[in-house]
Amino acid sequence: MMQDRMAAYKAQKLAAGQSSPSSAAGQPVEMSTLSEKEGLETMTGFLEEAASIQNAINDFSGDISRIGTLNVRALDAIGDSTGPATELDALVAATLQRSTVLKERIRRLQEAVNSNPALRRQEKEMRQNRATFVRQKFVEAVQAYQKVEQEHRARSRTRIERQIRIVKPDATQEQITQAISSGEGSQVFMQALTSNADYAHARSAYNEVQARAQDLRKMEETLAQLAQLFNDMAVLVDQQNETLVAIEDNAQKAEEHAEEGAKQVGISVDIARRLRKKRWICFFIVLIIVIILAVVLAVQFAPKK
């Protein structure tokens, strides 16, 4: 039964990697509304894409909540009831694929901020703030997903230990760890299984140990992919920091240029004031000379009595 579940899970993952993204509900995973990079160059296009990504993150968070619910149902499923587990496998595959799409869209959003040197400082800061907000929301959602998987892993380990102790009450922690890691149970556990008086009950416990061990391996794979998402987001943070440093440098240069410009304006005003003062001095000197000449000429050519 569990071999069938694992085969179905792997087939779903393979199909998800080869087909277009789709959610567990049959709805297509929301791709970027802007297929062309040029669409992000305009402020309107950039803000629309940021809003679309935020909506997709909300859907992603909804999937995570649903996974948490299905984790509990799958853990409580009895016997050959594979309905919750099958639904869970499909939803996990779709949710991980959605996370990959979101990561790429957020990367393109940040790239649109970094790679456009024509942006004015105010617009670049506005875009960077929006890209940062979207990235933080996605990181929070991924952290929530990690918490859901970690809690489910802890519950599954507890369930495995309980089932092992049903068959072998004196099992050591080392034997339990070996049973979890191998998915088969240690040799001691197998001997206890064959010698147990209530074989049917013991076999049921053993089957659940196998099932939970396989579930744990899938959980570890999911957690590894989520850890990789965090690494990718860390790269985006580095790019964001470079952008912020560039914005601050440009702002400082602009301030320095403004101060230099104000200084030059002050010098120009001072020069203009001095020139104006000199022009007035020259004017009065010329005026005095004209008056003196006029007096001299008047005396010189005045009629003699």
C-alpha atoms as a PDB file:
ATOM      1  CA  MET A   1       0.000   0.000   0.000  1.00  0.00           C
ATOM      2  CA  MET A   2       2.754   2.456   0.957  1.00  0.00           C
ATOM      3  CA  GLN A   3       4.789   1.450  -2.091  1.00  0.00           C
ATOM      4  CA  ASP A   4       1.815   2.498  -4.220  1.00  0.00           C
ATOM      5  CA  ARG A   5       1.638   5.816  -2.397  1.00  0.00           C
ATOM      6  CA  MET A   6       5.331   6.498  -2.944  1.00  0.00           C
ATOM      7  CA  ALA A   7       5.049   5.602  -6.629  1.00  0.00           C
ATOM      8  CA  ALA A   8       2.065   7.903  -6.996  1.00  0.00           C
ATOM      9  CA  TYR A   9       3.922  10.683  -5.210  1.00  0.00           C
ATOM     10  CA  LYS A  10       6.964  10.392  -7.497  1.00  0.00           C
ATOM     11  CA  ALA A  11       4.734  10.252 -10.580  1.00  0.00           C
ATOM     12  CA  GLN A  12       2.951  13.415  -9.458  1.00  0.00           C
ATOM     13  CA  LYS A  13       6.268  15.209  -8.946  1.00  0.00           C
ATOM     14  CA  LEU A  14       7.507  14.132 -12.372  1.00  0.00           C
ATOM     15  CA  ALA A  15       4.288  15.228 -14.034  1.00  0.00           C
ATOM     16  CA  ALA A  16       4.407  18.547 -12.208  1.00  0.00           C
ATOM     17  CA  GLY A  17       7.917  19.197 -13.505  1.00  0.00           C
ATOM     18  CA  GLN A  18       6.925  18.459 -17.100  1.00  0.00           C
ATOM     19  CA  SER A  19       3.586  20.237 -17.285  1.00  0.00           C
ATOM     20  CA  SER A  20       2.415  23.738 -16.585  1.00  0.00           C
ATOM     21  CA  PRO A  21       2.024  24.596 -12.909  1.00  0.00           C
ATOM     22  CA  SER A  22      -1.350  23.766 -11.411  1.00  0.00           C
ATOM     23  CA  SER A  23      -2.829  23.883  -7.968  1.00  0.00           C
ATOM     24  CA  ALA A  24      -4.375  20.965  -6.163  1.00  0.00           C
ATOM     25  CA  ALA A  25      -7.815  22.347  -6.894  1.00  0.00           C
ATOM     26  CA  GLY A  26      -7.180  22.099 -10.623  1.00  0.00           C
ATOM     27  CA  GLN A  27      -6.695  25.817 -11.068  1.00  0.00           C
ATOM     28  CA  PRO A  28      -3.548  26.978 -12.849  1.00  0.00           C
ATOM     29  CA  VAL A  29      -0.836  28.378 -10.647  1.00  0.00           C
ATOM     30  CA  GLU A  30      -0.774  32.095 -11.282  1.00  0.00           C
ATOM     31  CA  MET A  31       2.108  32.970 -13.545  1.00  0.00           C
ATOM     32  CA  SER A  32       3.482  36.434 -14.127  1.00  0.00           C
ATOM     33  CA  THR A  33       0.965  38.771 -15.684  1.00  0.00           C
ATOM     34  CA  LEU A  34       3.845  40.458 -17.481  1.00  0.00           C
ATOM     35  CA  SER A  35       5.563  38.052 -19.820  1.00  0.00           C
ATOM     36  CA  GLU A  36       7.806  40.742 -21.255  1.00  0.00           C
ATOM     37  CA  LYS A  37      10.525  42.360 -19.185  1.00  0.00           C
ATOM     38  CA  GLU A  38       9.637  45.726 -20.714  1.00  0.00           C
ATOM     39  CA  GLY A  39       6.341  45.648 -18.806  1.00  0.00           C
ATOM     40  CA  LEU A  40       8.243  46.143 -15.551  1.00  0.00           C
ATOM     41  CA  GLU A  41       9.989  49.251 -16.819  1.00  0.00           C
ATOM     42  CA  THR A  42       6.894  51.404 -16.358  1.00  0.00           C
ATOM     43  CA  MET A  43       5.807  52.305 -12.847  1.00  0.00           C
ATOM     44  CA  THR A  44       2.261  51.129 -13.533  1.00  0.00           C
ATOM     45  CA  GLY A  45       3.428  47.761 -14.858  1.00  0.00           C
ATOM     46  CA  PHE A  46       5.814  47.323 -11.927  1.00  0.00           C
ATOM     47  CA  LEU A  47       3.129  48.016  -9.310  1.00  0.00           C
ATOM     48  CA  GLU A  48       0.618  45.754 -11.066  1.00  0.00           C
ATOM     49  CA  GLU A  49       3.097  42.882 -11.079  1.00  0.00           C
ATOM     50  CA  ALA A  50       3.946  43.468  -7.403  1.00  0.00           C
ATOM     51  CA  ALA A  51       0.230  43.365  -6.527  1.00  0.00           C
ATOM     52  CA  SER A  52      -0.234  40.198  -8.595  1.00  0.00           C
ATOM     53  CA  ILE A  53       2.682  38.527  -6.797  1.00  0.00           C
ATOM     54  CA  GLN A  54       1.205  39.477  -3.434  1.00  0.00           C
ATOM     55  CA  ASN A  55      -2.104  37.862  -4.417  1.00  0.00           C
ATOM     56  CA  ALA A  56      -0.225  34.725  -5.458  1.00  0.00           C
ATOM     57  CA  ILE A  57       1.563  34.699  -2.081  1.00  0.00           C
ATOM     58  CA  ASN A  58      -1.841  34.810  -0.377  1.00  0.00           C
ATOM     59  CA  ASP A  59      -2.875  31.749  -2.416  1.00  0.00           C
ATOM     60  CA  PHE A  60       0.432  30.097  -1.475  1.00  0.00           C
ATOM     61  CA  SER A  61      -0.312  30.733   2.213  1.00  0.00           C
ATOM     62  CA  GLY A  62      -3.766  29.217   1.744  1.00  0.00           C
ATOM     63  CA  ASP A  63      -2.179  26.070   0.312  1.00  0.00           C
ATOM     64  CA  ILE A  64       0.123  25.884   3.338  1.00  0.00           C
ATOM     65  CA  SER A  65      -2.833  26.038   5.721  1.00  0.00           C
ATOM     66  CA  ARG A  66      -4.497  23.273   3.730  1.00  0.00           C
ATOM     67  CA  ILE A  67      -1.323  21.169   3.930  1.00  0.00           C
ATOM     68  CA  GLY A  68      -1.339  21.550   7.722  1.00  0.00           C
ATOM     69  CA  THR A  69      -4.911  20.262   7.854  1.00  0.00           C
ATOM     70  CA  LEU A  70      -4.169  17.333   5.545  1.00  0.00           C
ATOM     71  CA  ASN A  71      -1.055  16.450   7.563  1.00  0.00           C
ATOM     72  CA  VAL A  72      -3.242  15.834  10.586  1.00  0.00           C
ATOM     73  CA  ARG A  73      -5.793  13.850   8.581  1.00  0.00           C
ATOM     74  CA  ALA A  74      -3.115  11.734   6.914  1.00  0.00           C
ATOM     75  CA  LEU A  75      -1.490  10.984  10.254  1.00  0.00           C
ATOM     76  CA  ASP A  76      -4.820   9.898  11.721  1.00  0.00           C
ATOM     77  CA  ALA A  77      -5.820   7.825   8.667  1.00  0.00           C
ATOM     78  CA  ILE A  78      -6.523   4.211   9.591  1.00  0.00           C
ATOM     79  CA  GLY A  79      -5.512   1.126   7.655  1.00  0.00           C
ATOM     80  CA  ASP A  80      -5.595   1.407   3.885  1.00  0.00           C
ATOM     81  CA  SER A  81      -7.311   4.814   3.831  1.00  0.00           C
ATOM     82  CA  THR A  82      -5.027   6.641   1.396  1.00  0.00           C
ATOM     83  CA  GLY A  83      -7.392   9.475   0.467  1.00  0.00           C
ATOM     84  CA  PRO A  84      -5.825  12.180   2.678  1.00  0.00           C
ATOM     85  CA  ALA A  85      -2.284  11.041   1.820  1.00  0.00           C
ATOM     86  CA  THR A  86      -2.961  11.109  -1.934  1.00  0.00           C
ATOM     87  CA  GLU A  87      -4.522  14.561  -1.722  1.00  0.00           C
ATOM     88  CA  LEU A  88      -1.630  15.722   0.455  1.00  0.00           C
ATOM     89  CA  ASP A  89       1.012  14.480  -1.993  1.00  0.00           C
ATOM     90  CA  ALA A  90      -0.664  16.312  -4.876  1.00  0.00           C
ATOM     91  CA  LEU A  91      -1.016  19.527  -2.878  1.00  0.00           C
ATOM     92  CA  VAL A  92       2.593  19.449  -1.671  1.00  0.00           C
ATOM     93  CA  ALA A  93       3.861  19.002  -5.245  1.00  0.00           C
ATOM     94  CA  ALA A  94       1.688  21.879  -6.507  1.00  0.00           C
ATOM     95  CA  THR A  95       2.648  24.142  -3.599  1.00  0.00           C
ATOM     96  CA  LEU A  96       6.365  23.570  -4.078  1.00  0.00           C
ATOM     97  CA  GLN A  97       5.955  24.341  -7.762  1.00  0.00           C
ATOM     98  CA  ARG A  98       4.040  27.510  -6.893  1.00  0.00           C
ATOM     99  CA  SER A  99       6.906  28.538  -4.616  1.00  0.00           C
ATOM    100  CA  THR A 100       9.367  28.142  -7.501  1.00  0.00           C
ATOM    101  CA  VAL A 101       7.214  30.334  -9.736  1.00  0.00           C
ATOM    102  CA  LEU A 102       6.914  32.970  -7.005  1.00  0.00           C
ATOM    103  CA  LYS A 103      10.652  32.969  -6.394  1.00  0.00           C
ATOM    104  CA  GLU A 104      11.301  33.621 -10.089  1.00  0.00           C
ATOM    105  CA  ARG A 105       8.732  36.422 -10.250  1.00  0.00           C
ATOM    106  CA  ILE A 106      10.216  38.104  -7.176  1.00  0.00           C
ATOM    107  CA  ARG A 107      13.695  37.772  -8.693  1.00  0.00           C
ATOM    108  CA  ARG A 108      12.524  39.496 -11.881  1.00  0.00           C
ATOM    109  CA  LEU A 109      10.875  42.223  -9.817  1.00  0.00           C
ATOM    110  CA  GLN A 110      14.138  42.922  -7.984  1.00  0.00           C
ATOM    111  CA  GLU A 111      16.067  42.756 -11.234  1.00  0.00           C
ATOM    112  CA  ALA A 112      13.782  45.433 -12.682  1.00  0.00           C
ATOM    113  CA  VAL A 113      14.934  47.728  -9.870  1.00  0.00           C
ATOM    114  CA  ASN A 114      18.627  46.911 -10.187  1.00  0.00           C
ATOM    115  CA  SER A 115      18.967  46.995 -13.970  1.00  0.00           C
ATOM    116  CA  ASN A 116      17.263  50.298 -14.803  1.00  0.00           C
ATOM    117  CA  PRO A 117      19.791  53.154 -14.477  1.00  0.00           C
ATOM    118  CA  ALA A 118      17.316  55.657 -15.922  1.00  0.00           C
ATOM    119  CA  LEU A 119      15.118  55.602 -12.803  1.00  0.00           C
ATOM    120  CA  ARG A 120      14.969  58.755 -10.721  1.00  0.00           C
ATOM    121  CA  ARG A 121      15.993  58.394  -7.092  1.00  0.00           C
ATOM    122  CA  GLN A 122      12.462  58.764  -5.699  1.00  0.00           C
ATOM    123  CA  GLU A 123      10.987  56.217  -8.118  1.00  0.00           C
ATOM    124  CA  LYS A 124      13.823  53.771  -7.503  1.00  0.00           C
ATOM    125  CA  GLU A 125      13.305  53.984  -3.743  1.00  0.00           C
ATOM    126  CA  MET A 126       9.558  53.441  -4.203  1.00  0.00           C
ATOM    127  CA  ARG A 127      10.154  50.375  -6.372  1.00  0.00           C
ATOM    128  CA  GLN A 128      12.741  48.969  -3.979  1.00  0.00           C
ATOM    129  CA  ASN A 129      10.406  49.371  -1.011  1.00  0.00           C
ATOM    130  CA  ARG A 130       7.666  47.522  -2.892  1.00  0.00           C
ATOM    131  CA  ALA A 131      10.012  44.709  -3.984  1.00  0.00           C
ATOM    132  CA  THR A 132      11.284  44.371  -0.407  1.00  0.00           C
ATOM    133  CA  PHE A 133       7.741  44.157   0.976  1.00  0.00           C
ATOM    134  CA  VAL A 134       6.785  41.402  -1.474  1.00  0.00           C
ATOM    135  CA  ARG A 135       9.970  39.450  -0.772  1.00  0.00           C
ATOM    136  CA  GLN A 136       9.445  39.651   2.994  1.00  0.00           C
ATOM    137  CA  LYS A 137       5.861  38.395   2.644  1.00  0.00           C
ATOM    138  CA  PHE A 138       7.103  35.429   0.621  1.00  0.00           C
ATOM    139  CA  VAL A 139       9.832  34.639   3.150  1.00  0.00           C
ATOM    140  CA  GLU A 140       7.245  34.735   5.951  1.00  0.00           C
ATOM    141  CA  ALA A 141       5.055  32.299   4.003  1.00  0.00           C
ATOM    142  CA  VAL A 142       7.993  29.935   3.429  1.00  0.00           C
ATOM    143  CA  GLN A 143       8.829  30.099   7.137  1.00  0.00           C
ATOM    144  CA  ALA A 144       5.224  29.187   7.926  1.00  0.00           C
ATOM    145  CA  TYR A 145       5.517  26.231   5.535  1.00  0.00           C
ATOM    146  CA  GLN A 146       8.712  25.108   7.253  1.00  0.00           C
ATOM    147  CA  LYS A 147       6.982  25.245  10.621  1.00  0.00           C
ATOM    148  CA  VAL A 148       4.067  23.147   9.325  1.00  0.00           C
ATOM    149  CA  GLU A 149       6.433  20.482   7.986  1.00  0.00           C
ATOM    150  CA  GLN A 150       8.627  20.479  11.084  1.00  0.00           C
ATOM    151  CA  GLU A 151       5.612  20.026  13.355  1.00  0.00           C
ATOM    152  CA  HIS A 152       4.331  17.194  11.162  1.00  0.00           C
ATOM    153  CA  ARG A 153       7.773  15.577  11.212  1.00  0.00           C
ATOM    154  CA  ALA A 154       7.830  15.691  15.025  1.00  0.00           C
ATOM    155  CA  ARG A 155       4.347  14.156  15.250  1.00  0.00           C
ATOM    156  CA  SER A 156       5.301  11.433  12.765  1.00  0.00           C
ATOM    157  CA  ARG A 157       8.436  10.550  14.728  1.00  0.00           C
ATOM    158  CA  THR A 158       6.374  10.302  17.898  1.00  0.00           C
ATOM    159  CA  ARG A 159       3.892   8.034  16.118  1.00  0.00           C
ATOM    160  CA  ILE A 160       6.691   5.797  14.833  1.00  0.00           C
ATOM    161  CA  GLU A 161       8.208   5.450  18.283  1.00  0.00           C
ATOM    162  CA  ARG A 162       4.835   4.561  19.764  1.00  0.00           C
ATOM    163  CA  GLN A 163       4.190   1.874  17.135  1.00  0.00           C
ATOM    164  CA  ILE A 164       7.650   0.382  17.584  1.00  0.00           C
ATOM    165  CA  ARG A 165       7.157   0.128  21.327  1.00  0.00           C
ATOM    166  CA  ILE A 166       3.884  -1.713  20.726  1.00  0.00           C
ATOM    167  CA  VAL A 167       5.905  -4.481  19.094  1.00  0.00           C
ATOM    168  CA  LYS A 168       9.043  -4.115  21.233  1.00  0.00           C
ATOM    169  CA  PRO A 169       8.410  -2.226  24.496  1.00  0.00           C
ATOM    170  CA  ASP A 170      12.087  -2.412  25.488  1.00  0.00           C
ATOM    171  CA  ALA A 171      13.383  -0.945  22.203  1.00  0.00           C
ATOM    172  CA  THR A 172      16.336   1.386  22.687  1.00  0.00           C
ATOM    173  CA  GLN A 173      16.482   4.872  21.234  1.00  0.00           C
ATOM    174  CA  GLU A 174      19.204   3.688  18.864  1.00  0.00           C
ATOM    175  CA  GLN A 175      16.932   0.934  17.525  1.00  0.00           C
ATOM    176  CA  ILE A 176      14.099   3.432  17.078  1.00  0.00           C
ATOM    177  CA  THR A 177      16.388   5.832  15.223  1.00  0.00           C
ATOM    178  CA  GLN A 178      17.558   2.984  12.984  1.00  0.00           C
ATOM    179  CA  ALA A 179      13.971   1.993  12.236  1.00  0.00           C
ATOM    180  CA  ILE A 180      13.119   5.572  11.289  1.00  0.00           C
ATOM    181  CA  SER A 181      16.157   6.042   9.065  1.00  0.00           C
ATOM    182  CA  SER A 182      15.880   2.684   7.298  1.00  0.00           C
ATOM    183  CA  GLY A 183      12.117   2.561   6.965  1.00  0.00           C
ATOM    184  CA  GLU A 184      12.347  -1.177   7.489  1.00  0.00           C
ATOM    185  CA  GLY A 185      13.104  -1.584  11.190  1.00  0.00           C
ATOM    186  CA  SER A 186      16.146  -3.099  12.797  1.00  0.00           C
ATOM    187  CA  GLN A 187      16.838  -6.813  12.940  1.00  0.00           C
ATOM    188  CA  VAL A 188      15.768  -6.836  16.571  1.00  0.00           C
ATOM    189  CA  PHE A 189      12.485  -5.227  15.597  1.00  0.00           C
ATOM    190  CA  MET A 190      11.899  -7.844  12.875  1.00  0.00           C
ATOM    191  CA  GLN A 191      12.551 -10.647  15.353  1.00  0.00           C
ATOM    192  CA  ALA A 192      10.073  -9.138  17.784  1.00  0.00           C
ATOM    193  CA  LEU A 193       7.541  -8.932  14.988  1.00  0.00           C
ATOM    194  CA  THR A 194       7.814 -12.622  14.082  1.00  0.00           C
ATOM    195  CA  SER A 195       7.663 -13.759  17.711  1.00  0.00           C
ATOM    196  CA  ASN A 196       4.804 -11.508  18.830  1.00  0.00           C
ATOM    197  CA  ALA A 197       1.716 -13.423  19.911  1.00  0.00           C
ATOM    198  CA  ASP A 198      -0.697 -10.898  18.416  1.00  0.00           C
ATOM    199  CA  TYR A 199       0.763 -11.066  14.915  1.00  0.00           C
ATOM    200  CA  ALA A 200      -2.014  -9.063  13.226  1.00  0.00           C
ATOM    201  CA  HIS A 201      -1.628  -6.179  15.648  1.00  0.00           C
ATOM    202  CA  ALA A 202       2.151  -6.308  15.409  1.00  0.00           C
ATOM    203  CA  ARG A 203       2.034  -6.409  11.612  1.00  0.00           C
ATOM    204  CA  SER A 204      -0.262  -3.393  11.553  1.00  0.00           C
ATOM    205  CA  ALA A 205       2.167  -1.502  13.780  1.00  0.00           C
ATOM    206  CA  TYR A 206       5.078  -2.495  11.556  1.00  0.00           C
ATOM    207  CA  ASN A 207       3.252  -1.347   8.415  1.00  0.00           C
ATOM    208  CA  GLU A 208       2.598   2.025  10.006  1.00  0.00           C
ATOM    209  CA  VAL A 209       6.263   2.349  10.926  1.00  0.00           C
ATOM    210  CA  GLN A 210       7.138   1.783   7.277  1.00  0.00           C
ATOM    211  CA  ALA A 211       4.496   4.285   6.146  1.00  0.00           C
ATOM    212  CA  ARG A 212       5.597   6.996   8.557  1.00  0.00           C
ATOM    213  CA  ALA A 213       9.262   6.468   7.719  1.00  0.00           C
ATOM    214  CA  GLN A 214       8.499   6.997   4.034  1.00  0.00           C
ATOM    215  CA  ASP A 215       6.471  10.087   4.912  1.00  0.00           C
ATOM    216  CA  LEU A 216       9.449  11.391   6.874  1.00  0.00           C
ATOM    217  CA  ARG A 217      11.710  11.022   3.851  1.00  0.00           C
ATOM    218  CA  LYS A 218       9.256  13.054   1.777  1.00  0.00           C
ATOM    219  CA  MET A 219       9.132  15.681   4.514  1.00  0.00           C
ATOM    220  CA  GLU A 220      12.928  15.917   4.571  1.00  0.00           C
ATOM    221  CA  GLU A 221      12.904  16.443   0.817  1.00  0.00           C
ATOM    222  CA  THR A 222      10.311  19.200   1.156  1.00  0.00           C
ATOM    223  CA  LEU A 223      12.277  20.892   3.933  1.00  0.00           C
ATOM    224  CA  ALA A 224      15.429  20.740   1.803  1.00  0.00           C
ATOM    225  CA  GLN A 225      13.625  22.534  -1.030  1.00  0.00           C
ATOM    226  CA  LEU A 226      12.355  25.169   1.392  1.00  0.00           C
ATOM    227  CA  ALA A 227      15.895  25.659   2.704  1.00  0.00           C
ATOM    228  CA  GLN A 228      17.051  26.230  -0.875  1.00  0.00           C
ATOM    229  CA  LEU A 229      14.337  28.860  -1.249  1.00  0.00           C
ATOM    230  CA  PHE A 230      15.784  30.682   1.741  1.00  0.00           C
ATOM    231  CA  ASN A 231      19.228  30.598   0.145  1.00  0.00           C
ATOM    232  CA  ASP A 232      17.807  32.046  -3.058  1.00  0.00           C
ATOM    233  CA  MET A 233      16.036  34.776  -1.095  1.00  0.00           C
ATOM    234  CA  ALA A 234      19.325  35.579   0.658  1.00  0.00           C
ATOM    235  CA  VAL A 235      20.871  36.237  -2.759  1.00  0.00           C
ATOM    236  CA  LEU A 236      18.036  38.660  -3.492  1.00  0.00           C
ATOM    237  CA  VAL A 237      18.702  40.408  -0.178  1.00  0.00           C
ATOM    238  CA  ASP A 238      22.335  40.893  -1.220  1.00  0.00           C
ATOM    239  CA  GLN A 239      21.179  42.383  -4.512  1.00  0.00           C
ATOM    240  CA  GLN A 240      18.752  44.604  -2.644  1.00  0.00           C
ATOM    241  CA  ASN A 241      21.530  45.827  -0.346  1.00  0.00           C
ATOM    242  CA  GLU A 242      23.637  46.700  -3.371  1.00  0.00           C
ATOM    243  CA  THR A 243      20.722  48.697  -4.747  1.00  0.00           C
ATOM    244  CA  LEU A 244      20.213  50.517  -1.451  1.00  0.00           C
ATOM    245  CA  VAL A 245      23.917  51.351  -1.272  1.00  0.00           C
ATOM    246  CA  ALA A 246      23.755  52.689  -4.834  1.00  0.00           C
ATOM    247  CA  ILE A 247      20.705  54.791  -3.940  1.00  0.00           C
ATOM    248  CA  GLU A 248      22.478  56.196  -0.874  1.00  0.00           C
ATOM    249  CA  ASP A 249      25.630  56.916  -2.904  1.00  0.00           C
ATOM    250  CA  ASN A 250      23.605  58.692  -5.562  1.00  0.00           C
ATOM    251  CA  ALA A 251      21.743  60.649  -2.895  1.00  0.00           C
ATOM    252  CA  GLN A 252      25.022  61.674  -1.281  1.00  0.00           C
ATOM    253  CA  LYS A 253      26.472  62.702  -4.633  1.00  0.00           C
ATOM    254  CA  ALA A 254      23.324  64.654  -5.428  1.00  0.00           C
ATOM    255  CA  GLU A 255      23.588  66.405  -2.066  1.00  0.00           C
ATOM    256  CA  GLU A 256      27.247  67.182  -2.683  1.00  0.00           C
ATOM    257  CA  HIS A 257      26.415  68.519  -6.132  1.00  0.00           C
ATOM    258  CA  ALA A 258      23.622  70.615  -4.661  1.00  0.00           C
ATOM    259  CA  GLU A 259      25.969  72.045  -2.038  1.00  0.00           C
ATOM    260  CA  GLU A 260      28.595  72.742  -4.686  1.00  0.00           C
ATOM    261  CA  GLY A 261      25.957  74.339  -6.878  1.00  0.00           C
ATOM    262  CA  ALA A 262      24.762  76.519  -4.010  1.00  0.00           C
ATOM    263  CA  LYS A 263      28.340  77.519  -3.339  1.00  0.00           C
ATOM    264  CA  GLN A 264      28.874  78.424  -6.980  1.00  0.00           C
ATOM    265  CA  VAL A 265      25.627  80.397  -6.995  1.00  0.00           C
ATOM    266  CA  GLY A 266      26.802  82.296  -3.911  1.00  0.00           C
ATOM    267  CA  ILE A 267      30.101  83.071  -5.604  1.00  0.00           C
ATOM    268  CA  SER A 268      28.293  84.211  -8.739  1.00  0.00           C
ATOM    269  CA  VAL A 269      25.978  86.446  -6.712  1.00  0.00           C
ATOM    270  CA  ASP A 270      28.960  87.961  -4.904  1.00  0.00           C
ATOM    271  CA  ILE A 271      30.763  88.595  -8.186  1.00  0.00           C
ATOM    272  CA  ALA A 272      27.643  90.112  -9.691  1.00  0.00           C
ATOM    273  CA  ARG A 273      27.237  92.340  -6.646  1.00  0.00           C
ATOM    274  CA  ARG A 274      30.853  93.520  -6.914  1.00  0.00           C
ATOM    275  CA  LEU A 275      30.522  94.169 -10.627  1.00  0.00           C
ATOM    276  CA  ARG A 276      27.359  96.128 -10.039  1.00  0.00           C
ATOM    277  CA  LYS A 277      29.118  98.182  -7.357  1.00  0.00           C
ATOM    278  CA  LYS A 278      32.045  98.837  -9.693  1.00  0.00           C
ATOM    279  CA  ARG A 279      29.685  99.903 -12.455  1.00  0.00           C
ATOM    280  CA  TRP A 280      28.105 102.442 -10.127  1.00  0.00           C
ATOM    281  CA  ILE A 281      31.558 103.705  -9.104  1.00  0.00           C
ATOM    282  CA  CYS A 282      32.555 104.044 -12.744  1.00  0.00           C
ATOM    283  CA  PHE A 283      29.309 105.824 -13.463  1.00  0.00           C
ATOM    284  CA  PHE A 284      29.881 108.393 -10.710  1.00  0.00           C
ATOM    285  CA  ILE A 285      33.521 108.869 -11.751  1.00  0.00           C
ATOM    286  CA  VAL A 286      32.450 109.517 -15.333  1.00  0.00           C
ATOM    287  CA  LEU A 287      29.688 111.800 -14.091  1.00  0.00           C
ATOM    288  CA  ILE A 288      32.147 113.811 -11.972  1.00  0.00           C
ATOM    289  CA  ILE A 289      34.559 114.056 -14.903  1.00  0.00           C
ATOM    290  CA  VAL A 290      31.759 115.274 -17.144  1.00  0.00           C
ATOM    291  CA  ILE A 291      30.737 117.864 -14.567  1.00  0.00           C
ATOM    292  CA  ILE A 292      34.345 119.062 -14.172  1.00  0.00           C
ATOM    293  CA  LEU A 293      34.766 119.278 -17.936  1.00  0.00           C
ATOM    294  CA  ALA A 294      31.515 121.156 -18.206  1.00  0.00           C
ATOM    295  CA  VAL A 295      32.635 123.671 -15.562  1.00  0.00           C
ATOM    296  CA  VAL A 296      36.054 124.100 -17.151  1.00  0.00           C
ATOM    297  CA  LEU A 297      34.571 124.598 -20.578  1.00  0.00           C
ATOM    298  CA  ALA A 298      32.006 126.999 -19.221  1.00  0.00           C
ATOM    299  CA  VAL A 299      34.712 129.104 -17.574  1.00  0.00           C
ATOM    300  CA  GLN A 300      36.976 128.908 -20.588  1.00  0.00           C
ATOM    301  CA  PHE A 301      34.431 129.996 -23.092  1.00  0.00           C
ATOM    302  CA  ALA A 302      32.461 132.367 -20.947  1.00  0.00           C
ATOM    303  CA  PRO A 303      32.269 135.918 -22.534  1.00  0.00           C
ATOM    304  CA  LYS A 304      34.653 138.394 -20.980  1.00  0.00           C
ATOM    305  CA  LYS A 305      33.296 141.629 -19.613  1.00  0.00           C
END
